[in-house]
Amino acid sequence: MKTIKTVEQFRYFVGFNGRLFSVTFRKADGSIRKMVARLDVKSYLTGGGAKYDAKERNNIVVFSMRDKAYRTIKIDNLLSIKANGETIENN
């Protein structure tokens, strides 16, 4: 079974060109969240930018389609991703 352990693996699996994907992950408070998201969205940027390097902390920043807001996912807390007709579940 495949597992996702790095930001690069996540981006490679999801693909590029703004494709939608679904992701399930454990939030910092321990609850489980499911989300439909996209990578590389620029429409809602406010100009502030992150004050840290997400990749360095093994985080991925995604755009939540429901909330119309950016969200950060810790790769270590990733439970599953569905993209391009394929699903990967992490343990």
PDB file of N, CA and C in Angstrom:
ATOM      1  N   MET A   1       0.838  -1.178   0.000  1.00  0.00           N
ATOM      2  CA  MET A   1       0.000   0.000   0.000  1.00  0.00           C
ATOM      3  C   MET A   1       0.885   1.244   0.000  1.00  0.00           C
ATOM      4  N   LYS A   2       0.490   2.231  -0.769  1.00  0.00           N
ATOM      5  CA  LYS A   2       1.226   3.492  -0.803  1.00  0.00           C
ATOM      6  C   LYS A   2       0.931   4.297   0.455  1.00  0.00           C
ATOM      7  N   THR A   3       1.899   5.075   0.877  1.00  0.00           N
ATOM      8  CA  THR A   3       1.677   6.033   1.958  1.00  0.00           C
ATOM      9  C   THR A   3       2.277   7.363   1.539  1.00  0.00           C
ATOM     10  N   ILE A   4       1.749   8.422   2.101  1.00  0.00           N
ATOM     11  CA  ILE A   4       2.222   9.772   1.830  1.00  0.00           C
ATOM     12  C   ILE A   4       2.941  10.263   3.079  1.00  0.00           C
ATOM     13  N   LYS A   5       4.206  10.582   2.960  1.00  0.00           N
ATOM     14  CA  LYS A   5       4.983  11.036   4.113  1.00  0.00           C
ATOM     15  C   LYS A   5       5.634  12.396   3.904  1.00  0.00           C
ATOM     16  N   THR A   6       5.611  12.915   2.673  1.00  0.00           N
ATOM     17  CA  THR A   6       6.240  14.210   2.414  1.00  0.00           C
ATOM     18  C   THR A   6       5.327  15.089   1.556  1.00  0.00           C
ATOM     19  N   VAL A   7       5.605  16.371   1.573  1.00  0.00           N
ATOM     20  CA  VAL A   7       4.853  17.330   0.761  1.00  0.00           C
ATOM     21  C   VAL A   7       4.986  16.980  -0.723  1.00  0.00           C
ATOM     22  N   GLU A   8       6.168  16.582  -1.155  1.00  0.00           N
ATOM     23  CA  GLU A   8       6.392  16.251  -2.560  1.00  0.00           C
ATOM     24  C   GLU A   8       5.534  15.063  -2.989  1.00  0.00           C
ATOM     25  N   GLN A   9       5.445  14.033  -2.136  1.00  0.00           N
ATOM     26  CA  GLN A   9       4.599  12.878  -2.446  1.00  0.00           C
ATOM     27  C   GLN A   9       3.137  13.289  -2.543  1.00  0.00           C
ATOM     28  N   PHE A  10       2.699  14.159  -1.634  1.00  0.00           N
ATOM     29  CA  PHE A  10       1.327  14.651  -1.642  1.00  0.00           C
ATOM     30  C   PHE A  10       1.034  15.355  -2.960  1.00  0.00           C
ATOM     31  N   ARG A  11       1.889  16.301  -3.344  1.00  0.00           N
ATOM     32  CA  ARG A  11       1.691  17.069  -4.572  1.00  0.00           C
ATOM     33  C   ARG A  11       1.727  16.167  -5.808  1.00  0.00           C
ATOM     34  N   TYR A  12       2.611  15.199  -5.812  1.00  0.00           N
ATOM     35  CA  TYR A  12       2.705  14.284  -6.952  1.00  0.00           C
ATOM     36  C   TYR A  12       1.428  13.454  -7.074  1.00  0.00           C
ATOM     37  N   PHE A  13       0.911  12.938  -5.959  1.00  0.00           N
ATOM     38  CA  PHE A  13      -0.295  12.113  -5.998  1.00  0.00           C
ATOM     39  C   PHE A  13      -1.508  12.920  -6.430  1.00  0.00           C
ATOM     40  N   VAL A  14      -1.675  14.111  -5.865  1.00  0.00           N
ATOM     41  CA  VAL A  14      -2.846  14.936  -6.171  1.00  0.00           C
ATOM     42  C   VAL A  14      -2.775  15.445  -7.611  1.00  0.00           C
ATOM     43  N   GLY A  15      -1.587  15.786  -8.064  1.00  0.00           N
ATOM     44  CA  GLY A  15      -1.435  16.329  -9.405  1.00  0.00           C
ATOM     45  C   GLY A  15      -1.479  17.844  -9.372  1.00  0.00           C
ATOM     46  N   PHE A  16      -1.360  18.416 -10.521  1.00  0.00           N
ATOM     47  CA  PHE A  16      -1.292  19.863 -10.626  1.00  0.00           C
ATOM     48  C   PHE A  16      -2.473  20.366 -11.444  1.00  0.00           C
ATOM     49  N   ASN A  17      -2.398  21.573 -11.943  1.00  0.00           N
ATOM     50  CA  ASN A  17      -3.443  22.175 -12.772  1.00  0.00           C
ATOM     51  C   ASN A  17      -4.751  22.383 -12.027  1.00  0.00           C
ATOM     52  N   GLY A  18      -4.700  22.570 -10.722  1.00  0.00           N
ATOM     53  CA  GLY A  18      -5.888  22.919  -9.954  1.00  0.00           C
ATOM     54  C   GLY A  18      -6.936  21.833  -9.845  1.00  0.00           C
ATOM     55  N   ARG A  19      -6.544  20.601  -9.927  1.00  0.00           N
ATOM     56  CA  ARG A  19      -7.512  19.513  -9.813  1.00  0.00           C
ATOM     57  C   ARG A  19      -8.080  19.442  -8.402  1.00  0.00           C
ATOM     58  N   LEU A  20      -9.356  19.094  -8.329  1.00  0.00           N
ATOM     59  CA  LEU A  20     -10.002  18.896  -7.031  1.00  0.00           C
ATOM     60  C   LEU A  20      -9.597  17.541  -6.458  1.00  0.00           C
ATOM     61  N   PHE A  21      -9.510  17.465  -5.146  1.00  0.00           N
ATOM     62  CA  PHE A  21      -9.251  16.204  -4.471  1.00  0.00           C
ATOM     63  C   PHE A  21      -9.954  16.250  -3.126  1.00  0.00           C
ATOM     64  N   SER A  22     -10.188  15.087  -2.552  1.00  0.00           N
ATOM     65  CA  SER A  22     -10.742  15.047  -1.197  1.00  0.00           C
ATOM     66  C   SER A  22      -9.663  14.521  -0.269  1.00  0.00           C
ATOM     67  N   VAL A  23      -9.677  15.026   0.931  1.00  0.00           N
ATOM     68  CA  VAL A  23      -8.657  14.665   1.901  1.00  0.00           C
ATOM     69  C   VAL A  23      -9.311  14.527   3.273  1.00  0.00           C
ATOM     70  N   THR A  24      -8.848  13.554   4.043  1.00  0.00           N
ATOM     71  CA  THR A  24      -9.293  13.353   5.415  1.00  0.00           C
ATOM     72  C   THR A  24      -8.045  13.387   6.287  1.00  0.00           C
ATOM     73  N   PHE A  25      -8.122  14.169   7.359  1.00  0.00           N
ATOM     74  CA  PHE A  25      -6.954  14.316   8.223  1.00  0.00           C
ATOM     75  C   PHE A  25      -7.389  14.587   9.654  1.00  0.00           C
ATOM     76  N   ARG A  26      -6.451  14.400  10.572  1.00  0.00           N
ATOM     77  CA  ARG A  26      -6.693  14.673  11.986  1.00  0.00           C
ATOM     78  C   ARG A  26      -6.247  16.101  12.275  1.00  0.00           C
ATOM     79  N   LYS A  27      -7.155  16.906  12.814  1.00  0.00           N
ATOM     80  CA  LYS A  27      -6.836  18.288  13.152  1.00  0.00           C
ATOM     81  C   LYS A  27      -5.994  18.335  14.427  1.00  0.00           C
ATOM     82  N   ALA A  28      -5.445  19.501  14.728  1.00  0.00           N
ATOM     83  CA  ALA A  28      -4.593  19.681  15.909  1.00  0.00           C
ATOM     84  C   ALA A  28      -5.341  19.339  17.199  1.00  0.00           C
ATOM     85  N   ASP A  29      -6.660  19.564  17.222  1.00  0.00           N
ATOM     86  CA  ASP A  29      -7.436  19.260  18.432  1.00  0.00           C
ATOM     87  C   ASP A  29      -7.833  17.788  18.526  1.00  0.00           C
ATOM     88  N   GLY A  30      -7.418  16.983  17.540  1.00  0.00           N
ATOM     89  CA  GLY A  30      -7.695  15.555  17.556  1.00  0.00           C
ATOM     90  C   GLY A  30      -8.926  15.136  16.772  1.00  0.00           C
ATOM     91  N   SER A  31      -9.761  16.085  16.368  1.00  0.00           N
ATOM     92  CA  SER A  31     -10.951  15.737  15.602  1.00  0.00           C
ATOM     93  C   SER A  31     -10.570  15.427  14.155  1.00  0.00           C
ATOM     94  N   ILE A  32     -11.459  14.710  13.469  1.00  0.00           N
ATOM     95  CA  ILE A  32     -11.234  14.314  12.078  1.00  0.00           C
ATOM     96  C   ILE A  32     -11.959  15.296  11.163  1.00  0.00           C
ATOM     97  N   ARG A  33     -11.290  15.700  10.087  1.00  0.00           N
ATOM     98  CA  ARG A  33     -11.903  16.625   9.134  1.00  0.00           C
ATOM     99  C   ARG A  33     -11.795  16.047   7.741  1.00  0.00           C
ATOM    100  N   LYS A  34     -12.890  16.155   6.990  1.00  0.00           N
ATOM    101  CA  LYS A  34     -12.916  15.787   5.579  1.00  0.00           C
ATOM    102  C   LYS A  34     -13.095  17.071   4.787  1.00  0.00           C
ATOM    103  N   MET A  35     -12.398  17.159   3.657  1.00  0.00           N
ATOM    104  CA  MET A  35     -12.431  18.400   2.902  1.00  0.00           C
ATOM    105  C   MET A  35     -12.232  18.103   1.419  1.00  0.00           C
ATOM    106  N   VAL A  36     -12.906  18.892   0.585  1.00  0.00           N
ATOM    107  CA  VAL A  36     -12.634  18.921  -0.846  1.00  0.00           C
ATOM    108  C   VAL A  36     -11.795  20.165  -1.062  1.00  0.00           C
ATOM    109  N   ALA A  37     -10.660  20.004  -1.723  1.00  0.00           N
ATOM    110  CA  ALA A  37      -9.701  21.109  -1.807  1.00  0.00           C
ATOM    111  C   ALA A  37      -8.993  21.128  -3.153  1.00  0.00           C
ATOM    112  N   ARG A  38      -8.210  22.179  -3.332  1.00  0.00           N
ATOM    113  CA  ARG A  38      -7.339  22.342  -4.495  1.00  0.00           C
ATOM    114  C   ARG A  38      -6.006  22.888  -4.028  1.00  0.00           C
ATOM    115  N   LEU A  39      -4.982  22.655  -4.812  1.00  0.00           N
ATOM    116  CA  LEU A  39      -3.664  23.247  -4.574  1.00  0.00           C
ATOM    117  C   LEU A  39      -3.487  24.454  -5.485  1.00  0.00           C
ATOM    118  N   ASP A  40      -2.571  25.321  -5.120  1.00  0.00           N
ATOM    119  CA  ASP A  40      -2.114  26.423  -5.964  1.00  0.00           C
ATOM    120  C   ASP A  40      -3.205  27.431  -6.342  1.00  0.00           C
ATOM    121  N   VAL A  41      -4.183  27.639  -5.469  1.00  0.00           N
ATOM    122  CA  VAL A  41      -5.212  28.654  -5.704  1.00  0.00           C
ATOM    123  C   VAL A  41      -4.635  30.019  -5.350  1.00  0.00           C
ATOM    124  N   LYS A  42      -4.834  30.993  -6.209  1.00  0.00           N
ATOM    125  CA  LYS A  42      -4.292  32.341  -5.979  1.00  0.00           C
ATOM    126  C   LYS A  42      -5.397  33.394  -5.824  1.00  0.00           C
ATOM    127  N   SER A  43      -6.636  33.028  -6.085  1.00  0.00           N
ATOM    128  CA  SER A  43      -7.738  33.993  -6.139  1.00  0.00           C
ATOM    129  C   SER A  43      -8.002  34.741  -4.839  1.00  0.00           C
ATOM    130  N   TYR A  44      -7.827  34.115  -3.720  1.00  0.00           N
ATOM    131  CA  TYR A  44      -8.225  34.706  -2.445  1.00  0.00           C
ATOM    132  C   TYR A  44      -7.041  35.181  -1.602  1.00  0.00           C
ATOM    133  N   LEU A  45      -5.899  35.358  -2.221  1.00  0.00           N
ATOM    134  CA  LEU A  45      -4.729  35.833  -1.476  1.00  0.00           C
ATOM    135  C   LEU A  45      -4.934  37.276  -1.036  1.00  0.00           C
ATOM    136  N   THR A  46      -4.488  37.591   0.175  1.00  0.00           N
ATOM    137  CA  THR A  46      -4.635  38.952   0.700  1.00  0.00           C
ATOM    138  C   THR A  46      -3.323  39.715   0.699  1.00  0.00           C
ATOM    139  N   GLY A  47      -2.235  39.051   0.352  1.00  0.00           N
ATOM    140  CA  GLY A  47      -0.953  39.744   0.279  1.00  0.00           C
ATOM    141  C   GLY A  47      -0.071  39.557   1.494  1.00  0.00           C
ATOM    142  N   GLY A  48      -0.612  39.045   2.579  1.00  0.00           N
ATOM    143  CA  GLY A  48       0.172  38.871   3.799  1.00  0.00           C
ATOM    144  C   GLY A  48       1.160  37.728   3.713  1.00  0.00           C
ATOM    145  N   GLY A  49       0.718  36.604   3.231  1.00  0.00           N
ATOM    146  CA  GLY A  49       1.585  35.441   3.121  1.00  0.00           C
ATOM    147  C   GLY A  49       1.852  34.794   4.465  1.00  0.00           C
ATOM    148  N   ALA A  50       2.291  33.556   4.415  1.00  0.00           N
ATOM    149  CA  ALA A  50       2.600  32.825   5.639  1.00  0.00           C
ATOM    150  C   ALA A  50       3.884  33.349   6.262  1.00  0.00           C
ATOM    151  N   LYS A  51       3.950  33.288   7.557  1.00  0.00           N
ATOM    152  CA  LYS A  51       5.116  33.774   8.284  1.00  0.00           C
ATOM    153  C   LYS A  51       6.133  32.658   8.544  1.00  0.00           C
ATOM    154  N   TYR A  52       5.889  31.487   7.965  1.00  0.00           N
ATOM    155  CA  TYR A  52       6.795  30.350   8.120  1.00  0.00           C
ATOM    156  C   TYR A  52       6.798  29.558   6.819  1.00  0.00           C
ATOM    157  N   ASP A  53       7.756  28.670   6.682  1.00  0.00           N
ATOM    158  CA  ASP A  53       7.856  27.809   5.509  1.00  0.00           C
ATOM    159  C   ASP A  53       7.100  26.512   5.794  1.00  0.00           C
ATOM    160  N   ALA A  54       5.929  26.362   5.184  1.00  0.00           N
ATOM    161  CA  ALA A  54       5.083  25.196   5.436  1.00  0.00           C
ATOM    162  C   ALA A  54       5.796  23.902   5.059  1.00  0.00           C
ATOM    163  N   LYS A  55       6.484  23.897   3.932  1.00  0.00           N
ATOM    164  CA  LYS A  55       7.168  22.686   3.478  1.00  0.00           C
ATOM    165  C   LYS A  55       8.231  22.237   4.480  1.00  0.00           C
ATOM    166  N   GLU A  56       8.926  23.201   5.069  1.00  0.00           N
ATOM    167  CA  GLU A  56       9.962  22.877   6.059  1.00  0.00           C
ATOM    168  C   GLU A  56       9.372  22.148   7.265  1.00  0.00           C
ATOM    169  N   ARG A  57       8.133  22.453   7.595  1.00  0.00           N
ATOM    170  CA  ARG A  57       7.446  21.807   8.734  1.00  0.00           C
ATOM    171  C   ARG A  57       6.627  20.595   8.300  1.00  0.00           C
ATOM    172  N   ASN A  58       6.782  20.187   7.035  1.00  0.00           N
ATOM    173  CA  ASN A  58       6.051  19.060   6.451  1.00  0.00           C
ATOM    174  C   ASN A  58       4.533  19.286   6.482  1.00  0.00           C
ATOM    175  N   ASN A  59       4.138  20.522   6.190  1.00  0.00           N
ATOM    176  CA  ASN A  59       2.736  20.900   6.062  1.00  0.00           C
ATOM    177  C   ASN A  59       2.440  21.204   4.600  1.00  0.00           C
ATOM    178  N   ILE A  60       1.188  21.075   4.224  1.00  0.00           N
ATOM    179  CA  ILE A  60       0.750  21.460   2.886  1.00  0.00           C
ATOM    180  C   ILE A  60      -0.402  22.447   3.044  1.00  0.00           C
ATOM    181  N   VAL A  61      -0.367  23.525   2.286  1.00  0.00           N
ATOM    182  CA  VAL A  61      -1.429  24.524   2.325  1.00  0.00           C
ATOM    183  C   VAL A  61      -2.355  24.246   1.148  1.00  0.00           C
ATOM    184  N   VAL A  62      -3.632  24.076   1.451  1.00  0.00           N
ATOM    185  CA  VAL A  62      -4.640  23.787   0.435  1.00  0.00           C
ATOM    186  C   VAL A  62      -5.733  24.844   0.512  1.00  0.00           C
ATOM    187  N   PHE A  63      -6.565  24.891  -0.518  1.00  0.00           N
ATOM    188  CA  PHE A  63      -7.700  25.805  -0.533  1.00  0.00           C
ATOM    189  C   PHE A  63      -8.965  24.974  -0.388  1.00  0.00           C
ATOM    190  N   SER A  64      -9.708  25.190   0.697  1.00  0.00           N
ATOM    191  CA  SER A  64     -10.950  24.468   0.954  1.00  0.00           C
ATOM    192  C   SER A  64     -12.052  25.041   0.068  1.00  0.00           C
ATOM    193  N   MET A  65     -12.647  24.208  -0.745  1.00  0.00           N
ATOM    194  CA  MET A  65     -13.676  24.666  -1.674  1.00  0.00           C
ATOM    195  C   MET A  65     -14.956  25.068  -0.935  1.00  0.00           C
ATOM    196  N   ARG A  66     -15.292  24.398   0.136  1.00  0.00           N
ATOM    197  CA  ARG A  66     -16.506  24.732   0.885  1.00  0.00           C
ATOM    198  C   ARG A  66     -16.358  26.050   1.637  1.00  0.00           C
ATOM    199  N   ASP A  67     -15.221  26.209   2.314  1.00  0.00           N
ATOM    200  CA  ASP A  67     -15.008  27.397   3.144  1.00  0.00           C
ATOM    201  C   ASP A  67     -14.491  28.598   2.365  1.00  0.00           C
ATOM    202  N   LYS A  68     -13.988  28.358   1.137  1.00  0.00           N
ATOM    203  CA  LYS A  68     -13.348  29.421   0.347  1.00  0.00           C
ATOM    204  C   LYS A  68     -12.234  30.073   1.155  1.00  0.00           C
ATOM    205  N   ALA A  69     -11.403  29.214   1.771  1.00  0.00           N
ATOM    206  CA  ALA A  69     -10.317  29.699   2.626  1.00  0.00           C
ATOM    207  C   ALA A  69      -9.159  28.712   2.559  1.00  0.00           C
ATOM    208  N   TYR A  70      -7.981  29.208   2.886  1.00  0.00           N
ATOM    209  CA  TYR A  70      -6.788  28.372   2.912  1.00  0.00           C
ATOM    210  C   TYR A  70      -6.725  27.612   4.227  1.00  0.00           C
ATOM    211  N   ARG A  71      -6.285  26.360   4.145  1.00  0.00           N
ATOM    212  CA  ARG A  71      -6.141  25.509   5.312  1.00  0.00           C
ATOM    213  C   ARG A  71      -4.777  24.819   5.248  1.00  0.00           C
ATOM    214  N   THR A  72      -4.211  24.541   6.409  1.00  0.00           N
ATOM    215  CA  THR A  72      -2.931  23.848   6.488  1.00  0.00           C
ATOM    216  C   THR A  72      -3.159  22.441   7.011  1.00  0.00           C
ATOM    217  N   ILE A  73      -2.564  21.478   6.326  1.00  0.00           N
ATOM    218  CA  ILE A  73      -2.664  20.078   6.723  1.00  0.00           C
ATOM    219  C   ILE A  73      -1.264  19.584   7.068  1.00  0.00           C
ATOM    220  N   LYS A  74      -1.119  18.989   8.235  1.00  0.00           N
ATOM    221  CA  LYS A  74       0.145  18.337   8.599  1.00  0.00           C
ATOM    222  C   LYS A  74       0.165  16.980   7.900  1.00  0.00           C
ATOM    223  N   ILE A  75       1.191  16.747   7.116  1.00  0.00           N
ATOM    224  CA  ILE A  75       1.293  15.490   6.385  1.00  0.00           C
ATOM    225  C   ILE A  75       1.261  14.298   7.356  1.00  0.00           C
ATOM    226  N   ASP A  76       1.839  14.458   8.526  1.00  0.00           N
ATOM    227  CA  ASP A  76       1.861  13.376   9.518  1.00  0.00           C
ATOM    228  C   ASP A  76       0.462  13.017  10.016  1.00  0.00           C
ATOM    229  N   ASN A  77      -0.498  13.934   9.889  1.00  0.00           N
ATOM    230  CA  ASN A  77      -1.869  13.703  10.361  1.00  0.00           C
ATOM    231  C   ASN A  77      -2.816  13.289   9.236  1.00  0.00           C
ATOM    232  N   LEU A  78      -2.285  13.053   8.062  1.00  0.00           N
ATOM    233  CA  LEU A  78      -3.068  12.688   6.897  1.00  0.00           C
ATOM    234  C   LEU A  78      -3.633  11.282   7.058  1.00  0.00           C
ATOM    235  N   LEU A  79      -4.930  11.117   6.838  1.00  0.00           N
ATOM    236  CA  LEU A  79      -5.562   9.806   6.943  1.00  0.00           C
ATOM    237  C   LEU A  79      -5.846   9.212   5.567  1.00  0.00           C
ATOM    238  N   SER A  80      -6.370  10.021   4.631  1.00  0.00           N
ATOM    239  CA  SER A  80      -6.606   9.520   3.279  1.00  0.00           C
ATOM    240  C   SER A  80      -6.711  10.678   2.290  1.00  0.00           C
ATOM    241  N   ILE A  81      -6.422  10.350   1.039  1.00  0.00           N
ATOM    242  CA  ILE A  81      -6.565  11.299  -0.067  1.00  0.00           C
ATOM    243  C   ILE A  81      -7.215  10.549  -1.217  1.00  0.00           C
ATOM    244  N   LYS A  82      -8.155  11.207  -1.882  1.00  0.00           N
ATOM    245  CA  LYS A  82      -8.745  10.652  -3.090  1.00  0.00           C
ATOM    246  C   LYS A  82      -8.534  11.672  -4.198  1.00  0.00           C
ATOM    247  N   ALA A  83      -7.826  11.248  -5.241  1.00  0.00           N
ATOM    248  CA  ALA A  83      -7.542  12.133  -6.370  1.00  0.00           C
ATOM    249  C   ALA A  83      -7.336  11.286  -7.609  1.00  0.00           C
ATOM    250  N   ASN A  84      -7.754  11.828  -8.732  1.00  0.00           N
ATOM    251  CA  ASN A  84      -7.539  11.156 -10.019  1.00  0.00           C
ATOM    252  C   ASN A  84      -8.062   9.727 -10.032  1.00  0.00           C
ATOM    253  N   GLY A  85      -9.172   9.482  -9.331  1.00  0.00           N
ATOM    254  CA  GLY A  85      -9.780   8.168  -9.308  1.00  0.00           C
ATOM    255  C   GLY A  85      -9.073   7.137  -8.449  1.00  0.00           C
ATOM    256  N   GLU A  86      -8.103   7.562  -7.668  1.00  0.00           N
ATOM    257  CA  GLU A  86      -7.336   6.654  -6.817  1.00  0.00           C
ATOM    258  C   GLU A  86      -7.410   7.151  -5.376  1.00  0.00           C
ATOM    259  N   THR A  87      -7.371   6.225  -4.426  1.00  0.00           N
ATOM    260  CA  THR A  87      -7.404   6.567  -3.008  1.00  0.00           C
ATOM    261  C   THR A  87      -6.174   5.984  -2.322  1.00  0.00           C
ATOM    262  N   ILE A  88      -5.570   6.804  -1.480  1.00  0.00           N
ATOM    263  CA  ILE A  88      -4.470   6.337  -0.634  1.00  0.00           C
ATOM    264  C   ILE A  88      -4.898   6.566   0.812  1.00  0.00           C
ATOM    265  N   GLU A  89      -4.738   5.531   1.635  1.00  0.00           N
ATOM    266  CA  GLU A  89      -5.023   5.666   3.058  1.00  0.00           C
ATOM    267  C   GLU A  89      -3.721   5.534   3.828  1.00  0.00           C
ATOM    268  N   ASN A  90      -3.432   6.515   4.669  1.00  0.00           N
ATOM    269  CA  ASN A  90      -2.265   6.461   5.543  1.00  0.00           C
ATOM    270  C   ASN A  90      -2.693   5.901   6.886  1.00  0.00           C
ATOM    271  N   ASN A  91      -1.787   5.265   7.556  1.00  0.00           N
ATOM    272  CA  ASN A  91      -2.093   4.726   8.901  1.00  0.00           C
ATOM    273  C   ASN A  91      -1.705   5.677   9.970  1.00  0.00           C
TER     274      ASN A  91
END
